[in-house]
Amino acid sequence: MSDRATVSDRAERSGVPAAPATRTAAVIPAAGRGVRLGPGVPKALRALGGTPMLVRAVRAMTASRAVSLVVVVAPPDGEAEVRSLLDEFPLAGDRTEVVVVPGGATRQESVGLGLKALPDDVGIVLVHDAARPLVPVDTVDSVVAAVRAGHPAVVPALPLADTVKRVAPRDGADATAPETVTGTPERALLRAVQTPQGFDRRTLDAAHAEFGKAVGEGATDDAGMVERLGVPVVVVPGHEEAFKVTRPLDLVLAEAVIARRRANDGF
């Protein structure tokens, strides 16, 4: 049996109807704690320029005219808090519907719960990190356009500026022990992947049905799960401002980007 037939069978088992679906929705998992940013509120609720990162991430999705629904996946015990937050920082206009659902213990589980909340008429799904609050709308639109053009899985990405080394696992439990370099991948063939990642809805549902309970490699990247189905993933240009806010220094950079936008664009 061909890979294509196998993927089709998996899509059928996922329960998503085969009828054409036209809407595009975005799922934003926001259930993580973000410990690398230090103690305090969850990472997605940290303020940037007076506005929580999660709100900025939602606004980045609703800025695209292609997106008609955003599903925010909140911490399991934080659904009410996230709903209140979105009410406090309303979106401009009412073209895009925003709903909040409780998440799970892992990112994979949270994305899966977001997918289950989508109505049947959604045919394209974007999965976007709440910690990438500054992604430009042109990047969002490029991902959607590529999926609409027939690519079942699309990721925005940038070439790497640094040389990358492959290392062997550490021998023992000492986290400070030197690591041994085992190779140097060709940098020209590597990309740093961003979000939103875009998918044909049935393909992404099939990936989560097949690998949703798996752990390890692919657990933090939906495109990696789709790759394991044997489905091709394509890359469109990413953007430098779509970086992930993970460490304290990233907060400083994000504030600088916001200040520049306000000075240049008035928002």
C-alpha atoms as a PDB file:
ATOM      1  CA  MET A   1       0.000   0.000   0.000  1.00  0.00           C
ATOM      2  CA  SER A   2       1.339   3.464  -0.867  1.00  0.00           C
ATOM      3  CA  ASP A   3       2.129   6.133   1.722  1.00  0.00           C
ATOM      4  CA  ARG A   4      -0.624   8.293   0.201  1.00  0.00           C
ATOM      5  CA  ALA A   5      -3.219   5.529   0.642  1.00  0.00           C
ATOM      6  CA  THR A   6      -2.028   4.897   4.184  1.00  0.00           C
ATOM      7  CA  VAL A   7      -2.361   8.577   5.076  1.00  0.00           C
ATOM      8  CA  SER A   8      -5.842   8.649   3.545  1.00  0.00           C
ATOM      9  CA  ASP A   9      -6.882   5.661   5.638  1.00  0.00           C
ATOM     10  CA  ARG A  10      -5.564   7.358   8.760  1.00  0.00           C
ATOM     11  CA  ALA A  11      -7.492  10.508   7.895  1.00  0.00           C
ATOM     12  CA  GLU A  12     -10.671   8.469   7.533  1.00  0.00           C
ATOM     13  CA  ARG A  13     -10.081   6.952  10.972  1.00  0.00           C
ATOM     14  CA  SER A  14      -9.592  10.417  12.477  1.00  0.00           C
ATOM     15  CA  GLY A  15     -13.307  11.049  12.029  1.00  0.00           C
ATOM     16  CA  VAL A  16     -13.000  14.255  10.008  1.00  0.00           C
ATOM     17  CA  PRO A  17     -15.542  14.384   7.144  1.00  0.00           C
ATOM     18  CA  ALA A  18     -14.216  14.081   3.603  1.00  0.00           C
ATOM     19  CA  ALA A  19     -16.505  16.812   2.260  1.00  0.00           C
ATOM     20  CA  PRO A  20     -14.724  20.012   1.212  1.00  0.00           C
ATOM     21  CA  ALA A  21     -14.301  22.469   4.073  1.00  0.00           C
ATOM     22  CA  THR A  22     -13.469  26.088   3.452  1.00  0.00           C
ATOM     23  CA  ARG A  23     -12.801  27.832   6.753  1.00  0.00           C
ATOM     24  CA  THR A  24      -9.372  28.442   8.255  1.00  0.00           C
ATOM     25  CA  ALA A  25      -8.896  28.268  12.023  1.00  0.00           C
ATOM     26  CA  ALA A  26      -5.922  28.832  14.305  1.00  0.00           C
ATOM     27  CA  VAL A  27      -5.178  26.793  17.421  1.00  0.00           C
ATOM     28  CA  ILE A  28      -2.994  28.504  20.028  1.00  0.00           C
ATOM     29  CA  PRO A  29      -1.747  26.213  22.811  1.00  0.00           C
ATOM     30  CA  ALA A  30      -1.164  28.404  25.845  1.00  0.00           C
ATOM     31  CA  ALA A  31      -1.102  25.916  28.708  1.00  0.00           C
ATOM     32  CA  GLY A  32       2.645  25.951  29.419  1.00  0.00           C
ATOM     33  CA  ARG A  33       4.342  27.593  32.391  1.00  0.00           C
ATOM     34  CA  GLY A  34       7.417  28.975  30.612  1.00  0.00           C
ATOM     35  CA  VAL A  35       9.874  28.244  33.414  1.00  0.00           C
ATOM     36  CA  ARG A  36      12.880  29.574  31.466  1.00  0.00           C
ATOM     37  CA  LEU A  37      11.472  33.080  31.802  1.00  0.00           C
ATOM     38  CA  GLY A  38      11.699  32.756  35.567  1.00  0.00           C
ATOM     39  CA  PRO A  39       9.086  32.705  38.340  1.00  0.00           C
ATOM     40  CA  GLY A  40       5.767  34.482  38.033  1.00  0.00           C
ATOM     41  CA  VAL A  41       2.706  34.195  35.831  1.00  0.00           C
ATOM     42  CA  PRO A  42       2.612  31.673  32.945  1.00  0.00           C
ATOM     43  CA  LYS A  43       4.669  32.763  29.942  1.00  0.00           C
ATOM     44  CA  ALA A  44       1.672  33.371  27.705  1.00  0.00           C
ATOM     45  CA  LEU A  45       0.252  35.850  30.233  1.00  0.00           C
ATOM     46  CA  ARG A  46       3.441  37.929  30.541  1.00  0.00           C
ATOM     47  CA  ALA A  47       2.945  41.511  29.389  1.00  0.00           C
ATOM     48  CA  LEU A  48       4.778  43.018  26.425  1.00  0.00           C
ATOM     49  CA  GLY A  49       4.270  46.752  26.007  1.00  0.00           C
ATOM     50  CA  GLY A  50       1.390  46.541  28.467  1.00  0.00           C
ATOM     51  CA  THR A  51      -0.392  43.749  26.570  1.00  0.00           C
ATOM     52  CA  PRO A  52      -0.124  40.042  27.469  1.00  0.00           C
ATOM     53  CA  MET A  53       1.778  37.893  24.984  1.00  0.00           C
ATOM     54  CA  LEU A  54      -1.246  35.654  24.498  1.00  0.00           C
ATOM     55  CA  VAL A  55      -3.409  38.605  23.468  1.00  0.00           C
ATOM     56  CA  ARG A  56      -0.767  39.707  20.978  1.00  0.00           C
ATOM     57  CA  ALA A  57      -0.564  36.163  19.573  1.00  0.00           C
ATOM     58  CA  VAL A  58      -4.342  36.044  19.132  1.00  0.00           C
ATOM     59  CA  ARG A  59      -4.311  39.437  17.458  1.00  0.00           C
ATOM     60  CA  ALA A  60      -1.581  38.212  15.098  1.00  0.00           C
ATOM     61  CA  MET A  61      -3.935  35.453  13.927  1.00  0.00           C
ATOM     62  CA  THR A  62      -7.055  37.607  13.700  1.00  0.00           C
ATOM     63  CA  ALA A  63      -5.114  40.188  11.667  1.00  0.00           C
ATOM     64  CA  SER A  64      -5.286  37.729   8.763  1.00  0.00           C
ATOM     65  CA  ARG A  65      -8.505  37.961   6.789  1.00  0.00           C
ATOM     66  CA  ALA A  66      -8.087  34.245   6.035  1.00  0.00           C
ATOM     67  CA  VAL A  67      -8.587  33.240   9.692  1.00  0.00           C
ATOM     68  CA  SER A  68     -12.200  33.117  10.851  1.00  0.00           C
ATOM     69  CA  LEU A  69     -11.784  31.224  14.128  1.00  0.00           C
ATOM     70  CA  VAL A  70      -9.134  31.157  16.864  1.00  0.00           C
ATOM     71  CA  VAL A  71      -9.158  28.433  19.514  1.00  0.00           C
ATOM     72  CA  VAL A  72      -7.065  29.304  22.557  1.00  0.00           C
ATOM     73  CA  VAL A  73      -6.087  26.271  24.638  1.00  0.00           C
ATOM     74  CA  ALA A  74      -5.761  27.454  28.228  1.00  0.00           C
ATOM     75  CA  PRO A  75      -4.081  25.787  31.212  1.00  0.00           C
ATOM     76  CA  PRO A  76      -6.351  23.025  32.587  1.00  0.00           C
ATOM     77  CA  ASP A  77      -7.219  25.167  35.611  1.00  0.00           C
ATOM     78  CA  GLY A  78      -6.970  28.549  33.872  1.00  0.00           C
ATOM     79  CA  GLU A  79      -9.818  28.627  31.359  1.00  0.00           C
ATOM     80  CA  ALA A  80     -11.768  31.308  33.245  1.00  0.00           C
ATOM     81  CA  GLU A  81      -8.640  33.448  33.687  1.00  0.00           C
ATOM     82  CA  VAL A  82      -7.849  33.336  29.976  1.00  0.00           C
ATOM     83  CA  ARG A  83     -11.438  34.162  29.029  1.00  0.00           C
ATOM     84  CA  SER A  84     -11.362  37.144  31.372  1.00  0.00           C
ATOM     85  CA  LEU A  85      -8.045  38.266  29.932  1.00  0.00           C
ATOM     86  CA  LEU A  86      -9.331  38.209  26.358  1.00  0.00           C
ATOM     87  CA  ASP A  87     -12.402  40.158  27.456  1.00  0.00           C
ATOM     88  CA  GLU A  88     -10.157  42.750  29.091  1.00  0.00           C
ATOM     89  CA  PHE A  89      -8.133  43.203  25.906  1.00  0.00           C
ATOM     90  CA  PRO A  90     -10.799  42.925  23.193  1.00  0.00           C
ATOM     91  CA  LEU A  91      -9.937  42.427  19.557  1.00  0.00           C
ATOM     92  CA  ALA A  92     -10.758  45.055  16.977  1.00  0.00           C
ATOM     93  CA  GLY A  93     -13.987  44.246  15.150  1.00  0.00           C
ATOM     94  CA  ASP A  94     -15.997  41.031  15.336  1.00  0.00           C
ATOM     95  CA  ARG A  95     -15.024  39.233  12.125  1.00  0.00           C
ATOM     96  CA  THR A  96     -13.030  36.502  13.891  1.00  0.00           C
ATOM     97  CA  GLU A  97     -14.547  34.205  16.498  1.00  0.00           C
ATOM     98  CA  VAL A  98     -12.340  33.436  19.514  1.00  0.00           C
ATOM     99  CA  VAL A  99     -13.097  30.537  21.844  1.00  0.00           C
ATOM    100  CA  VAL A 100     -11.219  29.170  24.865  1.00  0.00           C
ATOM    101  CA  VAL A 101     -10.956  25.500  25.820  1.00  0.00           C
ATOM    102  CA  PRO A 102      -9.024  23.793  28.643  1.00  0.00           C
ATOM    103  CA  GLY A 103      -5.730  22.170  27.711  1.00  0.00           C
ATOM    104  CA  GLY A 104      -3.806  19.125  28.819  1.00  0.00           C
ATOM    105  CA  ALA A 105      -0.559  18.160  30.468  1.00  0.00           C
ATOM    106  CA  THR A 106       1.565  18.352  27.289  1.00  0.00           C
ATOM    107  CA  ARG A 107       1.668  20.537  24.210  1.00  0.00           C
ATOM    108  CA  GLN A 108       0.584  17.617  22.034  1.00  0.00           C
ATOM    109  CA  GLU A 109      -2.407  16.942  24.235  1.00  0.00           C
ATOM    110  CA  SER A 110      -3.357  20.625  24.261  1.00  0.00           C
ATOM    111  CA  VAL A 111      -3.193  20.929  20.475  1.00  0.00           C
ATOM    112  CA  GLY A 112      -5.265  17.751  20.192  1.00  0.00           C
ATOM    113  CA  LEU A 113      -7.928  19.227  22.464  1.00  0.00           C
ATOM    114  CA  GLY A 114      -7.920  22.387  20.348  1.00  0.00           C
ATOM    115  CA  LEU A 115      -8.456  20.314  17.210  1.00  0.00           C
ATOM    116  CA  LYS A 116     -11.410  18.544  18.782  1.00  0.00           C
ATOM    117  CA  ALA A 117     -13.037  21.941  19.402  1.00  0.00           C
ATOM    118  CA  LEU A 118     -13.029  22.842  15.682  1.00  0.00           C
ATOM    119  CA  PRO A 119     -16.299  22.667  13.731  1.00  0.00           C
ATOM    120  CA  ASP A 120     -16.558  20.378  10.710  1.00  0.00           C
ATOM    121  CA  ASP A 121     -16.409  23.218   8.174  1.00  0.00           C
ATOM    122  CA  VAL A 122     -12.783  24.032   9.070  1.00  0.00           C
ATOM    123  CA  GLY A 123     -10.509  22.676   6.349  1.00  0.00           C
ATOM    124  CA  ILE A 124      -7.231  24.442   7.131  1.00  0.00           C
ATOM    125  CA  VAL A 125      -5.666  24.611  10.594  1.00  0.00           C
ATOM    126  CA  LEU A 126      -2.867  26.869  11.788  1.00  0.00           C
ATOM    127  CA  VAL A 127      -1.036  25.915  14.982  1.00  0.00           C
ATOM    128  CA  HIS A 128       0.657  28.926  16.522  1.00  0.00           C
ATOM    129  CA  ASP A 129       2.836  29.335  19.606  1.00  0.00           C
ATOM    130  CA  ALA A 130       1.505  31.851  22.113  1.00  0.00           C
ATOM    131  CA  ALA A 131       5.185  32.658  22.745  1.00  0.00           C
ATOM    132  CA  ARG A 132       5.538  34.047  19.199  1.00  0.00           C
ATOM    133  CA  PRO A 133       3.392  37.162  19.703  1.00  0.00           C
ATOM    134  CA  LEU A 134       4.946  39.354  17.006  1.00  0.00           C
ATOM    135  CA  VAL A 135       4.597  37.258  13.859  1.00  0.00           C
ATOM    136  CA  PRO A 136       3.621  39.586  10.966  1.00  0.00           C
ATOM    137  CA  VAL A 137       0.339  39.024   9.135  1.00  0.00           C
ATOM    138  CA  ASP A 138       2.191  38.521   5.843  1.00  0.00           C
ATOM    139  CA  THR A 139       3.775  35.374   7.284  1.00  0.00           C
ATOM    140  CA  VAL A 140       0.382  34.060   8.392  1.00  0.00           C
ATOM    141  CA  ASP A 141      -1.077  34.728   4.963  1.00  0.00           C
ATOM    142  CA  SER A 142       1.842  33.021   3.216  1.00  0.00           C
ATOM    143  CA  VAL A 143       1.320  29.836   5.209  1.00  0.00           C
ATOM    144  CA  VAL A 144      -2.425  29.785   4.492  1.00  0.00           C
ATOM    145  CA  ALA A 145      -1.852  30.449   0.796  1.00  0.00           C
ATOM    146  CA  ALA A 146       0.563  27.528   0.529  1.00  0.00           C
ATOM    147  CA  VAL A 147      -1.926  25.122   2.142  1.00  0.00           C
ATOM    148  CA  ARG A 148      -4.670  26.392  -0.163  1.00  0.00           C
ATOM    149  CA  ALA A 149      -2.331  25.758  -3.095  1.00  0.00           C
ATOM    150  CA  GLY A 150      -2.371  22.060  -2.253  1.00  0.00           C
ATOM    151  CA  HIS A 151       0.462  21.504   0.237  1.00  0.00           C
ATOM    152  CA  PRO A 152      -0.846  19.458   3.200  1.00  0.00           C
ATOM    153  CA  ALA A 153       1.746  20.807   5.655  1.00  0.00           C
ATOM    154  CA  VAL A 154       3.551  24.167   5.602  1.00  0.00           C
ATOM    155  CA  VAL A 155       6.033  25.737   8.006  1.00  0.00           C
ATOM    156  CA  PRO A 156       7.585  29.223   7.985  1.00  0.00           C
ATOM    157  CA  ALA A 157      11.323  29.116   8.538  1.00  0.00           C
ATOM    158  CA  LEU A 158      14.549  31.102   8.342  1.00  0.00           C
ATOM    159  CA  PRO A 159      18.089  30.128   7.283  1.00  0.00           C
ATOM    160  CA  LEU A 160      20.465  29.630  10.194  1.00  0.00           C
ATOM    161  CA  ALA A 161      23.004  32.325  10.995  1.00  0.00           C
ATOM    162  CA  ASP A 162      25.130  30.102  13.250  1.00  0.00           C
ATOM    163  CA  THR A 163      27.068  26.951  12.495  1.00  0.00           C
ATOM    164  CA  VAL A 164      25.385  23.928  14.075  1.00  0.00           C
ATOM    165  CA  LYS A 165      27.199  20.989  15.681  1.00  0.00           C
ATOM    166  CA  ARG A 166      25.838  17.512  16.302  1.00  0.00           C
ATOM    167  CA  VAL A 167      26.908  16.136  19.680  1.00  0.00           C
ATOM    168  CA  ALA A 168      26.888  12.767  21.397  1.00  0.00           C
ATOM    169  CA  PRO A 169      24.767  12.188  24.509  1.00  0.00           C
ATOM    170  CA  ARG A 170      26.590  13.036  27.721  1.00  0.00           C
ATOM    171  CA  ASP A 171      28.233  10.102  29.447  1.00  0.00           C
ATOM    172  CA  GLY A 172      26.753  10.216  32.923  1.00  0.00           C
ATOM    173  CA  ALA A 173      24.508  12.621  34.807  1.00  0.00           C
ATOM    174  CA  ASP A 174      26.915  15.573  34.979  1.00  0.00           C
ATOM    175  CA  ALA A 175      25.174  18.371  33.078  1.00  0.00           C
ATOM    176  CA  THR A 176      28.364  20.432  33.081  1.00  0.00           C
ATOM    177  CA  ALA A 177      30.526  17.783  31.430  1.00  0.00           C
ATOM    178  CA  PRO A 178      31.916  18.713  27.991  1.00  0.00           C
ATOM    179  CA  GLU A 179      30.008  17.292  25.040  1.00  0.00           C
ATOM    180  CA  THR A 180      31.721  15.496  22.158  1.00  0.00           C
ATOM    181  CA  VAL A 181      31.065  16.827  18.646  1.00  0.00           C
ATOM    182  CA  THR A 182      30.094  14.065  16.206  1.00  0.00           C
ATOM    183  CA  GLY A 183      29.468  16.120  13.087  1.00  0.00           C
ATOM    184  CA  THR A 184      28.747  19.457  11.444  1.00  0.00           C
ATOM    185  CA  PRO A 185      25.575  19.506   9.317  1.00  0.00           C
ATOM    186  CA  GLU A 186      25.663  21.629   6.190  1.00  0.00           C
ATOM    187  CA  ARG A 187      24.164  24.922   7.336  1.00  0.00           C
ATOM    188  CA  ALA A 188      22.754  25.787   3.903  1.00  0.00           C
ATOM    189  CA  LEU A 189      20.407  22.805   4.180  1.00  0.00           C
ATOM    190  CA  LEU A 190      19.086  23.702   7.644  1.00  0.00           C
ATOM    191  CA  ARG A 191      16.218  25.983   8.636  1.00  0.00           C
ATOM    192  CA  ALA A 192      14.984  27.396  11.939  1.00  0.00           C
ATOM    193  CA  VAL A 193      11.260  26.651  11.974  1.00  0.00           C
ATOM    194  CA  GLN A 194       8.676  29.105  13.309  1.00  0.00           C
ATOM    195  CA  THR A 195       4.899  29.244  13.627  1.00  0.00           C
ATOM    196  CA  PRO A 196       2.122  29.382  12.592  1.00  0.00           C
ATOM    197  CA  GLN A 197       2.449  25.983  11.002  1.00  0.00           C
ATOM    198  CA  GLY A 198      -0.359  25.305   8.553  1.00  0.00           C
ATOM    199  CA  PHE A 199      -2.065  22.019   7.704  1.00  0.00           C
ATOM    200  CA  ASP A 200      -4.813  20.423   5.771  1.00  0.00           C
ATOM    201  CA  ARG A 201      -7.204  19.642   8.611  1.00  0.00           C
ATOM    202  CA  ARG A 202      -7.608  15.943   7.849  1.00  0.00           C
ATOM    203  CA  THR A 203      -3.831  15.460   7.664  1.00  0.00           C
ATOM    204  CA  LEU A 204      -3.223  17.071  11.049  1.00  0.00           C
ATOM    205  CA  ASP A 205      -6.073  15.149  12.662  1.00  0.00           C
ATOM    206  CA  ALA A 206      -4.631  11.918  11.275  1.00  0.00           C
ATOM    207  CA  ALA A 207      -1.196  12.768  12.718  1.00  0.00           C
ATOM    208  CA  HIS A 208      -2.654  13.414  16.164  1.00  0.00           C
ATOM    209  CA  ALA A 209      -4.769  10.261  15.993  1.00  0.00           C
ATOM    210  CA  GLU A 210      -1.659   8.240  15.147  1.00  0.00           C
ATOM    211  CA  PHE A 211       0.948   9.907  17.362  1.00  0.00           C
ATOM    212  CA  GLY A 212      -0.979  12.098  19.808  1.00  0.00           C
ATOM    213  CA  LYS A 213       0.011  10.028  22.835  1.00  0.00           C
ATOM    214  CA  ALA A 214       3.640   9.651  21.798  1.00  0.00           C
ATOM    215  CA  VAL A 215       6.440  11.409  23.657  1.00  0.00           C
ATOM    216  CA  GLY A 216       9.907  12.426  22.617  1.00  0.00           C
ATOM    217  CA  GLU A 217      10.887  13.636  19.172  1.00  0.00           C
ATOM    218  CA  GLY A 218       8.073  15.487  17.428  1.00  0.00           C
ATOM    219  CA  ALA A 219       6.201  16.283  20.648  1.00  0.00           C
ATOM    220  CA  THR A 220       6.888  20.020  20.364  1.00  0.00           C
ATOM    221  CA  ASP A 221       6.375  20.269  16.601  1.00  0.00           C
ATOM    222  CA  ASP A 222       3.181  19.352  14.765  1.00  0.00           C
ATOM    223  CA  ALA A 223       4.994  19.276  11.438  1.00  0.00           C
ATOM    224  CA  GLY A 224       7.254  16.567  12.869  1.00  0.00           C
ATOM    225  CA  MET A 225       4.196  14.439  13.598  1.00  0.00           C
ATOM    226  CA  VAL A 226       2.969  14.910  10.030  1.00  0.00           C
ATOM    227  CA  GLU A 227       6.416  13.934   8.702  1.00  0.00           C
ATOM    228  CA  ARG A 228       6.079  10.635  10.560  1.00  0.00           C
ATOM    229  CA  LEU A 229       2.926   9.956   8.512  1.00  0.00           C
ATOM    230  CA  GLY A 230       5.038  10.154   5.367  1.00  0.00           C
ATOM    231  CA  VAL A 231       3.386  13.397   4.269  1.00  0.00           C
ATOM    232  CA  PRO A 232       5.667  16.032   2.690  1.00  0.00           C
ATOM    233  CA  VAL A 233       6.174  19.280   4.597  1.00  0.00           C
ATOM    234  CA  VAL A 234       7.168  22.425   2.690  1.00  0.00           C
ATOM    235  CA  VAL A 235       8.828  25.629   3.879  1.00  0.00           C
ATOM    236  CA  VAL A 236       7.820  29.238   3.179  1.00  0.00           C
ATOM    237  CA  PRO A 237       9.907  32.251   4.266  1.00  0.00           C
ATOM    238  CA  GLY A 238       9.598  33.115   7.924  1.00  0.00           C
ATOM    239  CA  HIS A 239      10.265  36.477   9.543  1.00  0.00           C
ATOM    240  CA  GLU A 240      12.832  37.701  12.057  1.00  0.00           C
ATOM    241  CA  GLU A 241      10.090  39.185  14.250  1.00  0.00           C
ATOM    242  CA  ALA A 242       8.378  35.802  14.621  1.00  0.00           C
ATOM    243  CA  PHE A 243      10.975  34.711  17.191  1.00  0.00           C
ATOM    244  CA  LYS A 244       9.948  32.737  20.252  1.00  0.00           C
ATOM    245  CA  VAL A 245       9.974  34.571  23.583  1.00  0.00           C
ATOM    246  CA  THR A 246      11.638  32.015  25.828  1.00  0.00           C
ATOM    247  CA  ARG A 247      14.350  33.717  27.881  1.00  0.00           C
ATOM    248  CA  PRO A 248      14.542  37.081  29.686  1.00  0.00           C
ATOM    249  CA  LEU A 249      16.666  38.518  26.867  1.00  0.00           C
ATOM    250  CA  ASP A 250      13.865  37.702  24.411  1.00  0.00           C
ATOM    251  CA  LEU A 251      11.559  39.945  26.435  1.00  0.00           C
ATOM    252  CA  VAL A 252      13.963  42.838  25.919  1.00  0.00           C
ATOM    253  CA  LEU A 253      14.089  42.190  22.171  1.00  0.00           C
ATOM    254  CA  ALA A 254      10.296  41.922  21.953  1.00  0.00           C
ATOM    255  CA  GLU A 255       9.851  45.248  23.759  1.00  0.00           C
ATOM    256  CA  ALA A 256      12.283  46.839  21.276  1.00  0.00           C
ATOM    257  CA  VAL A 257      10.285  45.491  18.316  1.00  0.00           C
ATOM    258  CA  ILE A 258       7.045  46.832  19.808  1.00  0.00           C
ATOM    259  CA  ALA A 259       8.626  50.248  20.390  1.00  0.00           C
ATOM    260  CA  ARG A 260       9.824  50.353  16.790  1.00  0.00           C
ATOM    261  CA  ARG A 261       6.386  49.403  15.495  1.00  0.00           C
ATOM    262  CA  ARG A 262       4.752  52.091  17.555  1.00  0.00           C
ATOM    263  CA  ALA A 263       7.215  54.694  16.291  1.00  0.00           C
ATOM    264  CA  ASN A 264       6.930  53.644  12.654  1.00  0.00           C
ATOM    265  CA  ASP A 265       3.362  52.417  12.341  1.00  0.00           C
ATOM    266  CA  GLY A 266       1.527  54.042  15.214  1.00  0.00           C
ATOM    267  CA  PHE A 267       0.507  50.800  16.983  1.00  0.00           C
END
